[in-house]
Protein backbone atom coordinates (compact mmCIF):
# COMPACT_ATOMS: atom_id res chain seq x y z
CA MET A 1 8.68 78.53 -154.17
CA SER A 2 11.24 76.55 -156.17
CA ASP A 3 11.28 76.19 -159.96
CA ASP A 4 10.40 72.46 -159.81
CA GLU A 5 7.15 73.06 -157.95
CA GLU A 6 4.10 74.15 -159.95
CA ASP A 7 1.85 76.85 -158.92
CA TYR A 8 -1.59 75.29 -158.40
CA MET A 9 -3.20 78.66 -158.99
CA SER A 10 -1.42 79.34 -162.27
CA ASP A 11 -3.05 79.17 -165.74
CA ALA A 12 -0.61 76.50 -166.83
CA PHE A 13 -1.75 74.07 -164.14
CA LEU A 14 -5.45 74.80 -164.58
CA SER A 15 -5.17 74.15 -168.33
CA LYS A 16 -4.05 70.57 -167.56
CA ILE A 17 -7.20 69.64 -165.71
CA GLN A 18 -9.59 71.57 -167.87
CA ASP A 19 -12.39 69.35 -169.24
CA VAL A 20 -12.44 68.82 -172.97
CA LYS A 21 -16.18 69.44 -172.90
CA PRO A 22 -16.75 72.39 -170.65
CA GLY A 23 -20.17 72.70 -169.18
CA VAL A 24 -21.08 68.95 -169.25
CA PRO A 25 -22.04 67.74 -165.76
CA MET A 26 -19.89 65.06 -164.11
CA ALA A 27 -22.78 62.60 -163.51
CA LYS A 28 -23.77 62.63 -167.20
CA ARG A 29 -20.24 61.85 -168.27
CA VAL A 30 -20.05 58.92 -165.86
CA LYS A 31 -23.31 57.45 -167.12
CA THR A 32 -22.15 57.74 -170.67
CA ALA A 33 -18.88 55.97 -169.94
CA MET A 34 -20.72 53.13 -168.07
CA LYS A 35 -23.14 52.67 -171.01
CA ARG A 36 -20.33 52.57 -173.49
CA GLU A 37 -18.52 49.95 -171.36
CA ALA A 38 -21.68 47.75 -171.12
CA GLN A 39 -22.18 47.92 -174.91
CA GLN A 40 -18.55 46.87 -175.41
CA HIS A 41 -18.98 43.97 -172.99
CA GLU A 42 -22.05 42.69 -174.83
CA LYS A 43 -20.19 42.96 -178.15
CA ASN A 44 -17.34 40.95 -176.69
CA ILE A 45 -19.74 38.20 -175.54
CA GLN A 46 -21.37 38.02 -178.95
CA ASN A 47 -18.00 37.85 -180.70
CA ARG A 48 -16.62 35.31 -178.23
CA GLN A 49 -16.00 31.88 -179.72
CA LYS A 50 -18.13 29.05 -178.31
CA THR A 51 -16.39 26.34 -176.27
CA PHE A 52 -16.09 22.78 -177.51
CA LYS A 53 -18.72 21.53 -174.96
CA GLU A 54 -21.20 24.21 -176.09
CA GLN A 55 -20.67 23.32 -179.73
CA GLU A 56 -21.05 19.64 -178.93
CA LYS A 57 -24.29 20.24 -177.02
CA GLU A 58 -25.80 22.30 -179.83
CA SER A 59 -24.82 19.68 -182.43
CA ARG A 60 -26.28 16.90 -180.34
CA GLU A 61 -29.58 18.76 -179.80
CA ALA A 62 -29.81 19.52 -183.48
CA ALA A 63 -29.15 15.89 -184.40
CA LEU A 64 -31.69 14.56 -181.95
CA HIS A 65 -34.43 16.82 -183.29
CA SER A 66 -33.79 15.99 -186.94
CA SER A 67 -34.51 12.83 -188.92
CA ILE A 68 -31.74 10.54 -190.31
CA SER A 69 -30.67 11.80 -193.70
CA ASN A 70 -29.80 9.79 -196.73
CA GLN A 71 -26.14 10.48 -196.14
CA ASN A 72 -26.15 8.30 -193.04
CA LYS A 73 -24.40 5.01 -193.78
CA GLY A 74 -26.73 2.89 -191.74
CA PHE A 75 -29.77 4.47 -193.34
CA ALA A 76 -28.24 3.96 -196.79
CA LEU A 77 -27.74 0.25 -196.04
CA LEU A 78 -31.36 -0.08 -194.92
CA GLN A 79 -32.54 1.52 -198.13
CA LYS A 80 -30.53 -0.94 -200.22
CA MET A 81 -32.39 -3.74 -198.35
CA GLY A 82 -35.75 -2.27 -199.28
CA TYR A 83 -36.37 -0.04 -196.30
CA LYS A 84 -38.41 3.14 -196.89
CA ALA A 85 -38.45 6.25 -194.73
CA GLY A 86 -41.19 6.20 -192.12
CA GLN A 87 -41.59 2.41 -192.30
CA GLY A 88 -41.23 0.23 -189.23
CA LEU A 89 -38.32 -2.20 -188.94
CA GLY A 90 -38.79 -5.96 -189.45
CA LYS A 91 -40.26 -8.16 -192.15
CA GLU A 92 -43.78 -7.08 -191.38
CA GLY A 93 -42.83 -3.46 -190.74
CA ALA A 94 -44.07 -3.63 -187.11
CA GLY A 95 -40.81 -2.66 -185.45
CA ARG A 96 -39.44 0.68 -184.40
CA VAL A 97 -39.89 3.67 -186.70
CA ASP A 98 -37.67 6.21 -184.87
CA PRO A 99 -34.18 5.47 -183.54
CA ILE A 100 -33.70 4.61 -179.87
CA PRO A 101 -33.48 7.94 -177.99
CA LEU A 102 -30.12 8.99 -176.64
CA ASN A 103 -29.90 9.40 -172.86
CA ILE A 104 -26.86 11.44 -171.86
CA LYS A 105 -25.61 11.02 -168.30
CA THR A 106 -24.71 14.38 -166.79
CA ASP A 107 -23.78 13.12 -163.28
CA ARG A 108 -20.93 10.96 -162.00
CA GLY A 109 -23.13 8.09 -160.80
CA GLY A 110 -22.38 4.57 -162.01
CA ILE A 111 -24.58 2.40 -164.19
CA GLY A 112 -27.67 1.21 -162.27
CA LEU A 113 -27.49 3.97 -159.67
CA GLU A 114 -30.96 5.25 -160.59
CA GLU A 115 -32.45 1.79 -160.10
CA VAL A 116 -30.76 1.47 -156.72
CA LYS A 117 -32.10 4.89 -155.66
CA LYS A 118 -35.61 3.98 -156.89
CA ARG A 119 -35.50 0.61 -155.06
CA LYS A 120 -34.24 2.23 -151.90
CA ALA A 121 -37.01 4.86 -152.00
CA GLU A 122 -39.62 2.13 -152.49
CA GLU A 123 -38.21 0.18 -149.57
CA GLU A 124 -38.24 3.27 -147.33
CA LEU A 125 -41.83 3.97 -148.43
CA GLU A 126 -42.86 0.36 -147.67
CA HIS A 127 -41.09 0.54 -144.32
CA TYR A 128 -42.96 3.71 -143.47
CA ARG A 129 -46.26 2.12 -144.48
CA GLN A 130 -45.53 -0.90 -142.25
CA LYS A 131 -44.85 1.41 -139.33
CA VAL A 132 -48.11 3.22 -139.94
CA ARG A 133 -50.02 -0.04 -140.13
CA ALA A 134 -48.34 -1.38 -136.98
CA LYS A 135 -49.17 1.85 -135.15
CA GLN A 136 -52.82 1.70 -136.32
CA GLN A 137 -53.05 -2.00 -135.22
CA ASN A 138 -51.57 -1.16 -131.81
CA GLU A 139 -54.01 1.70 -131.38
CA THR A 140 -56.92 -0.54 -132.42
CA LYS A 141 -55.80 -3.30 -130.05
CA SER A 142 -55.34 -0.86 -127.17
CA MET A 143 -58.81 0.55 -127.79
CA GLU A 144 -60.31 -2.98 -127.98
CA ASP A 145 -58.48 -3.99 -124.80
CA PHE A 146 -59.82 -0.86 -123.07
CA ARG A 147 -63.36 -1.64 -124.18
CA VAL A 148 -63.10 -5.26 -123.02
CA ARG A 149 -61.69 -4.13 -119.64
CA VAL A 150 -64.46 -1.58 -119.14
CA ARG A 151 -67.12 -4.14 -120.15
CA THR A 152 -65.64 -6.76 -117.79
CA GLU A 153 -65.48 -4.31 -114.92
CA ARG A 154 -69.07 -3.25 -115.55
CA GLU A 155 -70.25 -6.88 -115.63
CA GLU A 156 -68.30 -7.62 -112.37
CA ARG A 157 -69.96 -4.67 -110.65
CA LYS A 158 -73.37 -5.84 -111.80
CA ILE A 159 -72.70 -9.37 -110.52
CA GLU A 160 -71.54 -7.98 -107.15
CA GLY A 161 -74.68 -5.89 -106.93
CA ASP A 162 -76.97 -8.86 -107.82
CA LEU A 163 -75.14 -11.01 -105.27
CA GLY A 164 -75.62 -8.40 -102.54
CA ARG A 165 -79.38 -8.21 -103.31
CA SER A 166 -79.63 -11.97 -103.34
CA GLN A 167 -77.93 -12.22 -99.92
CA ARG A 168 -80.24 -9.63 -98.35
CA ALA A 169 -83.35 -11.28 -99.88
CA CYS A 170 -82.13 -14.71 -98.67
CA GLU A 171 -81.64 -13.46 -95.12
CA GLN A 172 -85.12 -11.88 -95.08
CA LEU A 173 -86.87 -14.88 -96.58
CA ASP A 174 -85.03 -17.35 -94.28
CA SER A 175 -85.97 -15.25 -91.29
CA GLN A 176 -89.65 -15.35 -92.34
CA LYS A 177 -89.40 -19.15 -92.28
CA ARG A 178 -87.63 -18.97 -88.88
CA ILE A 179 -84.34 -20.13 -90.27
CA THR A 180 -81.75 -18.71 -87.90
CA VAL A 181 -78.62 -20.14 -89.50
CA PRO A 182 -77.90 -19.74 -93.29
CA ARG A 183 -77.17 -22.88 -95.29
CA GLU A 184 -73.75 -21.34 -96.13
CA ASP A 185 -72.06 -18.41 -94.39
CA TRP A 186 -72.04 -16.37 -97.56
CA TYR A 187 -75.78 -16.86 -98.17
CA TRP A 188 -76.49 -13.88 -95.87
CA PRO A 189 -74.71 -10.49 -95.90
CA LYS A 190 -71.95 -10.26 -93.33
CA ALA A 191 -71.76 -7.51 -90.75
CA GLU A 192 -68.50 -5.67 -90.17
CA ALA A 193 -67.87 -7.41 -86.84
CA ASP A 194 -68.62 -10.79 -88.40
CA GLU A 195 -66.28 -10.01 -91.22
CA GLU A 196 -63.42 -9.27 -88.77
CA ASP A 197 -64.13 -12.49 -86.89
CA ASN A 198 -64.32 -14.42 -90.11
CA ALA A 199 -61.04 -12.92 -91.25
CA GLU A 200 -59.37 -14.07 -88.04
CA GLU A 201 -60.92 -17.50 -88.28
CA LYS A 202 -59.93 -17.75 -91.93
CA GLN A 203 -56.36 -16.85 -91.07
CA GLU A 204 -56.30 -19.50 -88.30
CA GLU A 205 -57.81 -22.08 -90.68
CA GLU A 206 -55.20 -21.29 -93.26
CA GLU A 207 -52.42 -21.73 -90.74
CA GLU A 208 -53.89 -25.02 -89.61
CA GLU A 209 -54.25 -26.16 -93.25
CA GLU A 210 -50.62 -25.34 -93.90
CA GLU A 211 -49.53 -27.28 -90.86
CA GLU A 212 -51.69 -30.30 -91.64
CA GLU A 213 -50.94 -30.01 -95.39
CA GLU A 214 -54.59 -30.40 -96.24
CA GLU A 215 -55.85 -30.02 -99.82
CA GLU A 216 -56.55 -26.44 -100.82
CA ILE A 217 -60.26 -25.55 -101.32
CA VAL A 218 -61.08 -23.67 -104.47
CA GLU A 219 -62.62 -20.26 -103.66
CA LEU A 220 -65.96 -19.62 -105.35
CA THR A 221 -66.20 -16.56 -107.58
CA SER A 222 -68.95 -13.98 -107.24
CA LEU A 223 -70.67 -15.43 -110.33
CA ASP A 224 -70.55 -18.94 -108.87
CA LYS A 225 -72.06 -17.71 -105.62
CA LEU A 226 -74.79 -15.73 -107.47
CA GLN A 227 -75.82 -18.77 -109.51
CA ILE A 228 -75.90 -21.01 -106.41
CA LEU A 229 -77.79 -18.49 -104.34
CA THR A 230 -80.36 -17.65 -106.99
CA SER A 231 -81.00 -21.38 -107.48
CA TYR A 232 -81.58 -21.67 -103.67
CA LEU A 233 -83.95 -18.73 -103.68
CA ARG A 234 -85.93 -20.05 -106.61
CA GLY A 235 -86.04 -23.64 -105.30
CA VAL A 236 -86.82 -22.97 -101.60
CA HIS A 237 -88.58 -19.58 -101.59
CA PHE A 238 -89.85 -19.40 -105.25
CA TYR A 239 -88.23 -15.96 -105.41
CA CYS A 240 -86.57 -14.23 -108.35
CA ILE A 241 -84.28 -11.33 -107.54
CA TRP A 242 -84.63 -9.83 -111.06
CA CYS A 243 -88.44 -9.97 -111.00
CA GLY A 244 -88.40 -8.88 -107.34
CA THR A 245 -91.36 -11.25 -106.76
CA THR A 246 -92.08 -14.22 -104.53
CA TYR A 247 -94.24 -16.64 -106.54
CA ASN A 248 -96.84 -19.01 -105.06
CA ASP A 249 -95.13 -22.22 -106.12
CA GLU A 250 -92.76 -23.74 -108.59
CA GLU A 251 -95.37 -23.82 -111.34
CA ASP A 252 -96.22 -20.17 -110.88
CA LEU A 253 -92.49 -19.35 -110.94
CA CYS A 254 -91.83 -21.28 -114.17
CA SER A 255 -94.91 -19.85 -115.89
CA ASN A 256 -94.41 -16.17 -115.12
CA CYS A 257 -90.62 -15.72 -114.64
CA PRO A 258 -88.64 -15.16 -117.86
CA GLY A 259 -85.67 -17.16 -116.66
CA ASP A 260 -83.00 -17.73 -114.03
CA THR A 261 -80.41 -15.25 -115.32
CA ALA A 262 -80.16 -11.47 -115.65
CA ALA A 263 -79.94 -11.77 -119.43
CA ASP A 264 -83.40 -13.41 -119.49
CA HIS A 265 -84.87 -10.31 -117.90
CA ASP A 266 -83.36 -7.73 -120.28
């Protein structure tokens, strides 16, 4: 071992690293040092000088929460003109008592930005309300259209059913009077074979009408047919399909039948 190197097991080297407070645990010393450092940091913060902005903010807050003193030049001028502390401005003393409050802008928005934001928010809210109202109106209209369609389909089915009953009753009553041919083809119910023949005849007639350029005949609706047929049954046979009764004569029919429509029998 050279002279420059120290012996790590010698007393001279161990004396260099010997703790000044023998017997004190390492963890306790670390905690003590950290506590001392935190106390010093707090003392530095307390002793730190306040920035200009902080001082300005504190002065402004203090001024806003305190009344105007007699040292204020404006207040002194008001006093010379007869103004007294706590009195309202104006000849009658009905004006402002306290100064106009100071509103400090802390953002970078321009003058009038808050009004623009408020107006935009109101416009968006109104637009949303219009959309909600339009949706509700569409839903109401759709529901009403659905109800009308269902009611119309139900009425059409009822008319078709009344027409079928009227045709069967007409055929039966005509047969009892030995009428072999109905006044109109649709007065009696048509068999399937007759329907096929009639379809072919109708097609041929349509072709002939197109060739001859004859005037088009308006097709009767089921309601038209029902009204015509019920009038025939009541006038010829004194029969009402809704009563289901054949009356003795016209006088008996008029006296005992509520009317010539289904609504009259409800």
